[in-house]
Amino acid sequence: MGKFSDNLRRTRKGLALTQDQVGEACGLSGKYVGELERGEASPTLETVEKVARGLKVDLLVLVGDDADRLGAADVRAAIVGALDELDGHELRQVLRMVRLARR
């Protein structure tokens, strides 16, 4: 899967939305959103912009990983989506890192 596909899936899950809900918010079909997430369809720049607007996230959340340029809400959505993909051991490691960062 490509970066856009992975980022779209993480963001959608972080926002607790279904593919159909994302499609509705973006003016796309839920089926197409699924194809985008699986890397079966290649989005145009216009489609990527529609998705970013529909999800109310910065475009960089979907196409890049430049965390320094993201707003707090976008960072939170990306973090929550990424956490959903971790197992228990990995989650405990993340918790330790967060606790260290807060010291």
C-alpha atoms as a PDB file:
ATOM      1  CA  MET A   1       0.000   0.000   0.000  1.00  0.00           C
ATOM      2  CA  GLY A   2       1.132   3.528  -0.667  1.00  0.00           C
ATOM      3  CA  LYS A   3       1.537   6.385   1.749  1.00  0.00           C
ATOM      4  CA  PHE A   4      -1.806   7.968   0.747  1.00  0.00           C
ATOM      5  CA  SER A   5      -3.641   4.661   1.161  1.00  0.00           C
ATOM      6  CA  ASP A   6      -2.166   4.030   4.585  1.00  0.00           C
ATOM      7  CA  ASN A   7      -2.693   7.619   5.734  1.00  0.00           C
ATOM      8  CA  LEU A   8      -6.301   7.637   4.532  1.00  0.00           C
ATOM      9  CA  ARG A   9      -7.091   4.428   6.408  1.00  0.00           C
ATOM     10  CA  ARG A  10      -5.368   5.635   9.609  1.00  0.00           C
ATOM     11  CA  THR A  11      -7.110   8.998   9.456  1.00  0.00           C
ATOM     12  CA  ARG A  12     -10.538   7.464   8.800  1.00  0.00           C
ATOM     13  CA  LYS A  13     -10.139   5.036  11.686  1.00  0.00           C
ATOM     14  CA  GLY A  14      -8.798   7.786  13.932  1.00  0.00           C
ATOM     15  CA  LEU A  15     -11.958   9.767  13.235  1.00  0.00           C
ATOM     16  CA  ALA A  16     -14.094   6.647  13.823  1.00  0.00           C
ATOM     17  CA  LEU A  17     -15.706   6.852  10.375  1.00  0.00           C
ATOM     18  CA  THR A  18     -16.794   4.157   7.964  1.00  0.00           C
ATOM     19  CA  GLN A  19     -15.743   4.188   4.326  1.00  0.00           C
ATOM     20  CA  ASP A  20     -19.310   5.112   3.400  1.00  0.00           C
ATOM     21  CA  GLN A  21     -19.257   8.059   5.816  1.00  0.00           C
ATOM     22  CA  VAL A  22     -15.980   9.279   4.342  1.00  0.00           C
ATOM     23  CA  GLY A  23     -17.395   8.930   0.846  1.00  0.00           C
ATOM     24  CA  GLU A  24     -20.475  10.921   1.785  1.00  0.00           C
ATOM     25  CA  ALA A  25     -18.400  13.677   3.390  1.00  0.00           C
ATOM     26  CA  CYS A  26     -16.136  13.873   0.339  1.00  0.00           C
ATOM     27  CA  GLY A  27     -18.636  13.434  -2.482  1.00  0.00           C
ATOM     28  CA  LEU A  28     -17.271   9.996  -3.354  1.00  0.00           C
ATOM     29  CA  SER A  29     -18.670   6.495  -3.097  1.00  0.00           C
ATOM     30  CA  GLY A  30     -17.776   4.352  -0.111  1.00  0.00           C
ATOM     31  CA  LYS A  31     -16.647   1.686  -2.585  1.00  0.00           C
ATOM     32  CA  TYR A  32     -14.154   4.122  -4.121  1.00  0.00           C
ATOM     33  CA  VAL A  33     -12.861   5.095  -0.666  1.00  0.00           C
ATOM     34  CA  GLY A  34     -12.218   1.385  -0.022  1.00  0.00           C
ATOM     35  CA  GLU A  35     -10.359   1.103  -3.324  1.00  0.00           C
ATOM     36  CA  LEU A  36      -8.243   4.118  -2.377  1.00  0.00           C
ATOM     37  CA  GLU A  37      -7.416   2.592   1.018  1.00  0.00           C
ATOM     38  CA  ARG A  38      -6.415  -0.722  -0.566  1.00  0.00           C
ATOM     39  CA  GLY A  39      -4.278   1.028  -3.183  1.00  0.00           C
ATOM     40  CA  GLU A  40      -6.489  -0.314  -5.978  1.00  0.00           C
ATOM     41  CA  ALA A  41      -7.232   3.194  -7.275  1.00  0.00           C
ATOM     42  CA  SER A  42      -4.841   6.086  -7.799  1.00  0.00           C
ATOM     43  CA  PRO A  43      -6.369   9.391  -6.740  1.00  0.00           C
ATOM     44  CA  THR A  44      -5.929  12.594  -8.667  1.00  0.00           C
ATOM     45  CA  LEU A  45      -4.786  15.680  -6.799  1.00  0.00           C
ATOM     46  CA  GLU A  46      -8.386  16.903  -6.992  1.00  0.00           C
ATOM     47  CA  THR A  47      -9.574  13.719  -5.255  1.00  0.00           C
ATOM     48  CA  VAL A  48      -6.933  14.018  -2.532  1.00  0.00           C
ATOM     49  CA  GLU A  49      -8.039  17.610  -1.939  1.00  0.00           C
ATOM     50  CA  LYS A  50     -11.714  16.518  -1.776  1.00  0.00           C
ATOM     51  CA  VAL A  51     -10.848  13.874   0.797  1.00  0.00           C
ATOM     52  CA  ALA A  52      -8.823  16.312   2.918  1.00  0.00           C
ATOM     53  CA  ARG A  53     -11.657  18.865   2.841  1.00  0.00           C
ATOM     54  CA  GLY A  54     -14.283  16.218   3.572  1.00  0.00           C
ATOM     55  CA  LEU A  55     -12.336  14.851   6.530  1.00  0.00           C
ATOM     56  CA  LYS A  56     -11.406  18.375   7.658  1.00  0.00           C
ATOM     57  CA  VAL A  57      -7.713  17.511   7.856  1.00  0.00           C
ATOM     58  CA  ASP A  58      -4.649  19.151   6.404  1.00  0.00           C
ATOM     59  CA  LEU A  59      -3.620  17.743   3.043  1.00  0.00           C
ATOM     60  CA  LEU A  60      -0.286  16.725   4.582  1.00  0.00           C
ATOM     61  CA  VAL A  61      -2.085  14.275   6.862  1.00  0.00           C
ATOM     62  CA  LEU A  62      -2.981  12.273   3.760  1.00  0.00           C
ATOM     63  CA  VAL A  63       0.096  12.674   1.576  1.00  0.00           C
ATOM     64  CA  GLY A  64       3.016  13.397   3.859  1.00  0.00           C
ATOM     65  CA  ASP A  65       4.503  12.964   7.245  1.00  0.00           C
ATOM     66  CA  ASP A  66       5.704  16.490   7.967  1.00  0.00           C
ATOM     67  CA  ALA A  67       4.389  16.636  11.540  1.00  0.00           C
ATOM     68  CA  ASP A  68       5.954  20.040  12.186  1.00  0.00           C
ATOM     69  CA  ARG A  69       3.517  21.667   9.775  1.00  0.00           C
ATOM     70  CA  LEU A  70       0.341  20.020  11.123  1.00  0.00           C
ATOM     71  CA  GLY A  71      -2.174  21.514  13.515  1.00  0.00           C
ATOM     72  CA  ALA A  72      -2.930  19.838  16.827  1.00  0.00           C
ATOM     73  CA  ALA A  73      -6.249  18.343  15.647  1.00  0.00           C
ATOM     74  CA  ASP A  74      -4.610  16.775  12.595  1.00  0.00           C
ATOM     75  CA  VAL A  75      -1.783  15.363  14.702  1.00  0.00           C
ATOM     76  CA  ARG A  76      -4.290  13.842  17.152  1.00  0.00           C
ATOM     77  CA  ALA A  77      -6.277  12.217  14.315  1.00  0.00           C
ATOM     78  CA  ALA A  78      -3.108  10.727  12.826  1.00  0.00           C
ATOM     79  CA  ILE A  79      -1.933   9.446  16.226  1.00  0.00           C
ATOM     80  CA  VAL A  80      -5.264   7.819  17.077  1.00  0.00           C
ATOM     81  CA  GLY A  81      -5.393   6.150  13.668  1.00  0.00           C
ATOM     82  CA  ALA A  82      -1.850   4.856  14.057  1.00  0.00           C
ATOM     83  CA  LEU A  83      -2.539   3.566  17.579  1.00  0.00           C
ATOM     84  CA  ASP A  84      -5.437   1.463  16.289  1.00  0.00           C
ATOM     85  CA  GLU A  85      -2.953  -0.601  14.302  1.00  0.00           C
ATOM     86  CA  LEU A  86      -0.687  -1.474  17.245  1.00  0.00           C
ATOM     87  CA  ASP A  87      -0.794  -4.560  19.414  1.00  0.00           C
ATOM     88  CA  GLY A  88      -0.710  -4.478  23.221  1.00  0.00           C
ATOM     89  CA  HIS A  89       3.079  -4.628  23.499  1.00  0.00           C
ATOM     90  CA  GLU A  90       3.532  -1.789  21.009  1.00  0.00           C
ATOM     91  CA  LEU A  91       0.892   0.303  22.781  1.00  0.00           C
ATOM     92  CA  ARG A  92       2.735  -0.092  26.088  1.00  0.00           C
ATOM     93  CA  GLN A  93       5.952   1.068  24.404  1.00  0.00           C
ATOM     94  CA  VAL A  94       4.181   4.147  23.061  1.00  0.00           C
ATOM     95  CA  LEU A  95       2.787   4.898  26.506  1.00  0.00           C
ATOM     96  CA  ARG A  96       6.293   4.733  27.963  1.00  0.00           C
ATOM     97  CA  MET A  97       7.565   7.146  25.297  1.00  0.00           C
ATOM     98  CA  VAL A  98       4.716   9.581  25.950  1.00  0.00           C
ATOM     99  CA  ARG A  99       5.380   9.488  29.679  1.00  0.00           C
ATOM    100  CA  LEU A 100       9.089  10.162  29.058  1.00  0.00           C
ATOM    101  CA  ALA A 101       8.285  13.050  26.730  1.00  0.00           C
ATOM    102  CA  ARG A 102       6.114  14.697  29.379  1.00  0.00           C
ATOM    103  CA  ARG A 103       8.931  14.803  31.985  1.00  0.00           C
END
